[in-house]
Amino acid sequence: MFGSAVAVAASLVTQIGPESNVFDLTLENAKQILINSASTPEEVQEAQSRTLSRKIRELRYAIGLEQQMSKDDILQGYLNIAYFGAGAYGVEAASLRYFGIHASKLSLNQAATLAGLVQSPLRYDPIRNPEASQTRRRMVLDRMATLGYITSAQAVEAAMRLIVFQRHRVGDAAAGEGQPRLLGD
């Protein structure tokens, strides 16, 4: 086992790169927080509208996040609310949904699969589009190796390992989910 959901975090960082600006991720995090905090259909519609006022609100919120949180905390927050497809919001729910295990038990190839989903959950759905998912997983693993999160040998080994998917319904007791858990809990 790779050990923990830190694997997913490292995988997502590979999509940003250690030298690049994390602000895009912070903006996405701000957008998701504003959508999730909406309490009426009108507020949800406003949080999702394509308007200048919405973008300004997101920008203000994102700037506040960057001033108050570390890069790791922003990434962890994002992983707790990001959509991974198949009704799974957050890495813990995605882990349970696709693999039937908690995020802390993910293997490297499982973590890379989930990291690849965030960009386009439908396109890279490992059950509906296994070839696209496998290609994306290899890209994530290669990027992790390039950035030094893992060795090239680990990337090759993980890419060659077979992954067994066990699609569970979100909230399914058989998945061992119980109460949702956030990264860092």
Protein backbone atom coordinates (compact mmCIF):
# COMPACT_ATOMS: atom_id res chain seq x y z
CA MET A 1 0.00 0.00 0.00
CA PHE A 2 1.19 3.51 -0.76
CA GLY A 3 -0.11 4.43 2.65
CA SER A 4 -2.52 7.34 2.69
CA ALA A 5 -4.53 9.95 0.90
CA VAL A 6 -1.33 11.96 0.75
CA ALA A 7 -0.79 9.94 -2.45
CA VAL A 8 -3.83 11.60 -3.96
CA ALA A 9 -2.65 14.99 -2.77
CA ALA A 10 0.77 14.43 -4.31
CA SER A 11 -0.91 13.30 -7.50
CA LEU A 12 -3.02 16.43 -7.66
CA VAL A 13 0.03 18.57 -6.99
CA THR A 14 1.59 16.97 -10.05
CA GLN A 15 -1.17 18.51 -12.11
CA ILE A 16 -0.18 21.93 -10.78
CA GLY A 17 3.55 21.48 -10.42
CA PRO A 18 5.56 22.60 -7.42
CA GLU A 19 6.79 25.82 -9.06
CA SER A 20 3.49 26.92 -10.49
CA ASN A 21 0.84 29.10 -8.94
CA VAL A 22 -1.69 27.24 -6.84
CA PHE A 23 -4.17 30.04 -7.30
CA ASP A 24 -6.22 28.13 -9.92
CA LEU A 25 -6.78 25.36 -7.38
CA THR A 26 -7.59 27.97 -4.74
CA LEU A 27 -10.15 29.54 -7.09
CA GLU A 28 -11.75 26.16 -7.76
CA ASN A 29 -11.80 25.48 -4.03
CA ALA A 30 -13.45 28.87 -3.40
CA LYS A 31 -16.05 28.17 -6.09
CA GLN A 32 -16.90 24.78 -4.61
CA ILE A 33 -17.11 26.21 -1.09
CA LEU A 34 -19.49 28.94 -2.25
CA ILE A 35 -21.66 26.42 -4.13
CA ASN A 36 -21.71 24.00 -1.19
CA SER A 37 -22.57 26.75 1.29
CA ALA A 38 -25.56 27.93 -0.74
CA SER A 39 -28.75 27.15 1.12
CA THR A 40 -31.40 27.92 -1.50
CA PRO A 41 -31.75 27.03 -5.19
CA GLU A 42 -31.36 30.73 -5.99
CA GLU A 43 -28.06 30.90 -4.09
CA VAL A 44 -26.81 27.79 -5.91
CA GLN A 45 -27.78 29.32 -9.25
CA GLU A 46 -26.01 32.56 -8.31
CA ALA A 47 -22.89 30.64 -7.20
CA GLN A 48 -22.82 28.85 -10.56
CA SER A 49 -23.78 31.76 -12.81
CA ARG A 50 -21.36 33.01 -15.44
CA THR A 51 -21.22 36.59 -14.27
CA LEU A 52 -18.54 39.08 -13.41
CA SER A 53 -19.97 39.55 -9.92
CA ARG A 54 -19.65 35.79 -9.22
CA LYS A 55 -16.05 35.77 -10.44
CA ILE A 56 -15.22 38.78 -8.23
CA ARG A 57 -16.84 37.07 -5.21
CA GLU A 58 -14.81 33.90 -5.90
CA LEU A 59 -11.63 35.92 -6.32
CA ARG A 60 -12.13 37.72 -2.98
CA TYR A 61 -12.83 34.43 -1.26
CA ALA A 62 -9.79 32.78 -2.87
CA ILE A 63 -7.50 35.62 -1.82
CA GLY A 64 -8.76 35.20 1.74
CA LEU A 65 -8.08 31.46 1.58
CA GLU A 66 -4.52 32.02 0.38
CA GLN A 67 -3.88 34.53 3.17
CA GLN A 68 -5.18 32.19 5.87
CA MET A 69 -4.18 28.73 4.67
CA SER A 70 -1.05 26.92 3.55
CA LYS A 71 -0.78 25.31 0.10
CA ASP A 72 -1.21 21.89 1.74
CA ASP A 73 -4.31 23.02 3.64
CA ILE A 74 -5.85 24.42 0.45
CA LEU A 75 -5.14 21.17 -1.36
CA GLN A 76 -6.57 19.13 1.52
CA GLY A 77 -9.68 21.30 1.54
CA TYR A 78 -10.06 20.85 -2.19
CA LEU A 79 -9.68 17.07 -1.91
CA ASN A 80 -12.48 17.03 0.65
CA ILE A 81 -14.99 18.69 -1.71
CA ALA A 82 -13.80 17.94 -5.27
CA TYR A 83 -16.08 15.95 -7.54
CA PHE A 84 -14.58 12.59 -8.54
CA GLY A 85 -17.54 11.33 -10.56
CA ALA A 86 -20.27 8.77 -9.91
CA GLY A 87 -21.79 10.95 -7.18
CA ALA A 88 -18.59 11.01 -5.11
CA TYR A 89 -17.58 14.37 -3.64
CA GLY A 90 -14.28 14.26 -1.79
CA VAL A 91 -11.45 11.77 -1.91
CA GLU A 92 -12.83 9.65 0.94
CA ALA A 93 -16.17 9.18 -0.81
CA ALA A 94 -14.39 8.49 -4.12
CA SER A 95 -12.15 5.91 -2.46
CA LEU A 96 -15.14 4.13 -1.03
CA ARG A 97 -17.13 4.50 -4.26
CA TYR A 98 -14.53 3.05 -6.62
CA PHE A 99 -12.47 0.75 -4.40
CA GLY A 100 -14.54 0.02 -1.30
CA ILE A 101 -11.72 1.19 0.98
CA HIS A 102 -10.88 4.32 2.95
CA ALA A 103 -8.58 6.89 1.36
CA SER A 104 -5.91 6.13 3.95
CA LYS A 105 -5.63 2.60 2.48
CA LEU A 106 -5.20 3.59 -1.19
CA SER A 107 -2.37 2.05 -3.16
CA LEU A 108 -0.28 4.28 -5.41
CA ASN A 109 -2.11 3.22 -8.59
CA GLN A 110 -5.51 3.72 -6.94
CA ALA A 111 -4.49 7.20 -5.76
CA ALA A 112 -3.24 8.07 -9.24
CA THR A 113 -6.54 6.87 -10.71
CA LEU A 114 -8.50 9.17 -8.40
CA ALA A 115 -6.14 12.07 -9.09
CA GLY A 116 -6.75 11.61 -12.79
CA LEU A 117 -10.51 11.74 -12.33
CA VAL A 118 -10.63 15.30 -11.03
CA GLN A 119 -9.84 16.88 -14.39
CA SER A 120 -12.76 15.17 -16.14
CA PRO A 121 -14.69 12.65 -14.02
CA LEU A 122 -16.85 11.39 -16.88
CA ARG A 123 -14.08 11.11 -19.47
CA TYR A 124 -11.72 9.29 -17.08
CA ASP A 125 -14.31 7.16 -15.27
CA PRO A 126 -12.40 3.91 -14.72
CA ILE A 127 -15.50 1.75 -15.03
CA ARG A 128 -17.08 3.37 -18.09
CA ASN A 129 -13.84 4.33 -19.84
CA PRO A 130 -11.12 1.99 -18.59
CA GLU A 131 -8.68 2.74 -21.44
CA ALA A 132 -8.90 6.50 -20.95
CA SER A 133 -8.59 6.04 -17.19
CA GLN A 134 -5.51 3.87 -17.57
CA THR A 135 -3.87 6.38 -19.92
CA ARG A 136 -4.64 9.21 -17.51
CA ARG A 137 -3.33 7.18 -14.53
CA ARG A 138 -0.05 6.60 -16.40
CA MET A 139 0.22 10.34 -17.07
CA VAL A 140 -0.26 11.10 -13.37
CA LEU A 141 2.30 8.46 -12.35
CA ASP A 142 4.82 9.73 -14.90
CA ARG A 143 4.34 13.29 -13.68
CA MET A 144 4.79 12.19 -10.08
CA ALA A 145 8.06 10.50 -11.04
CA THR A 146 9.23 13.55 -13.01
CA LEU A 147 8.58 15.79 -10.01
CA GLY A 148 10.29 13.37 -7.62
CA TYR A 149 7.26 12.27 -5.56
CA ILE A 150 7.99 8.67 -6.55
CA THR A 151 10.75 6.88 -8.44
CA SER A 152 10.47 5.89 -12.08
CA ALA A 153 10.48 2.25 -10.98
CA GLN A 154 7.52 2.89 -8.66
CA ALA A 155 5.65 4.59 -11.51
CA VAL A 156 6.25 1.67 -13.88
CA GLU A 157 5.31 -0.91 -11.25
CA ALA A 158 2.11 0.94 -10.29
CA ALA A 159 1.11 1.40 -13.94
CA MET A 160 1.42 -2.35 -14.54
CA ARG A 161 -0.65 -3.38 -11.52
CA LEU A 162 -4.21 -4.49 -12.10
CA ILE A 163 -6.83 -2.43 -10.31
CA VAL A 164 -10.07 -4.01 -9.18
CA PHE A 165 -12.97 -1.59 -9.08
CA GLN A 166 -15.87 -2.16 -6.74
CA ARG A 167 -18.43 0.51 -7.49
CA HIS A 168 -20.43 1.14 -4.33
CA ARG A 169 -23.24 3.60 -3.93
CA VAL A 170 -22.20 6.71 -2.05
CA GLY A 171 -23.36 6.17 1.52
CA ASP A 172 -23.53 2.39 1.08
CA ALA A 173 -22.94 0.68 4.41
CA ALA A 174 -21.37 -2.23 2.53
CA ALA A 175 -18.59 0.13 1.50
CA GLY A 176 -17.79 0.68 5.15
CA GLU A 177 -18.55 4.37 4.80
CA GLY A 178 -20.66 5.15 7.84
CA GLN A 179 -20.16 8.83 8.52
CA PRO A 180 -18.21 10.75 5.89
CA ARG A 181 -14.65 11.42 6.95
CA LEU A 182 -12.55 14.31 5.77
CA LEU A 183 -8.84 14.22 5.09
CA GLY A 184 -7.06 15.34 8.20
CA ASP A 185 -9.67 13.82 10.56
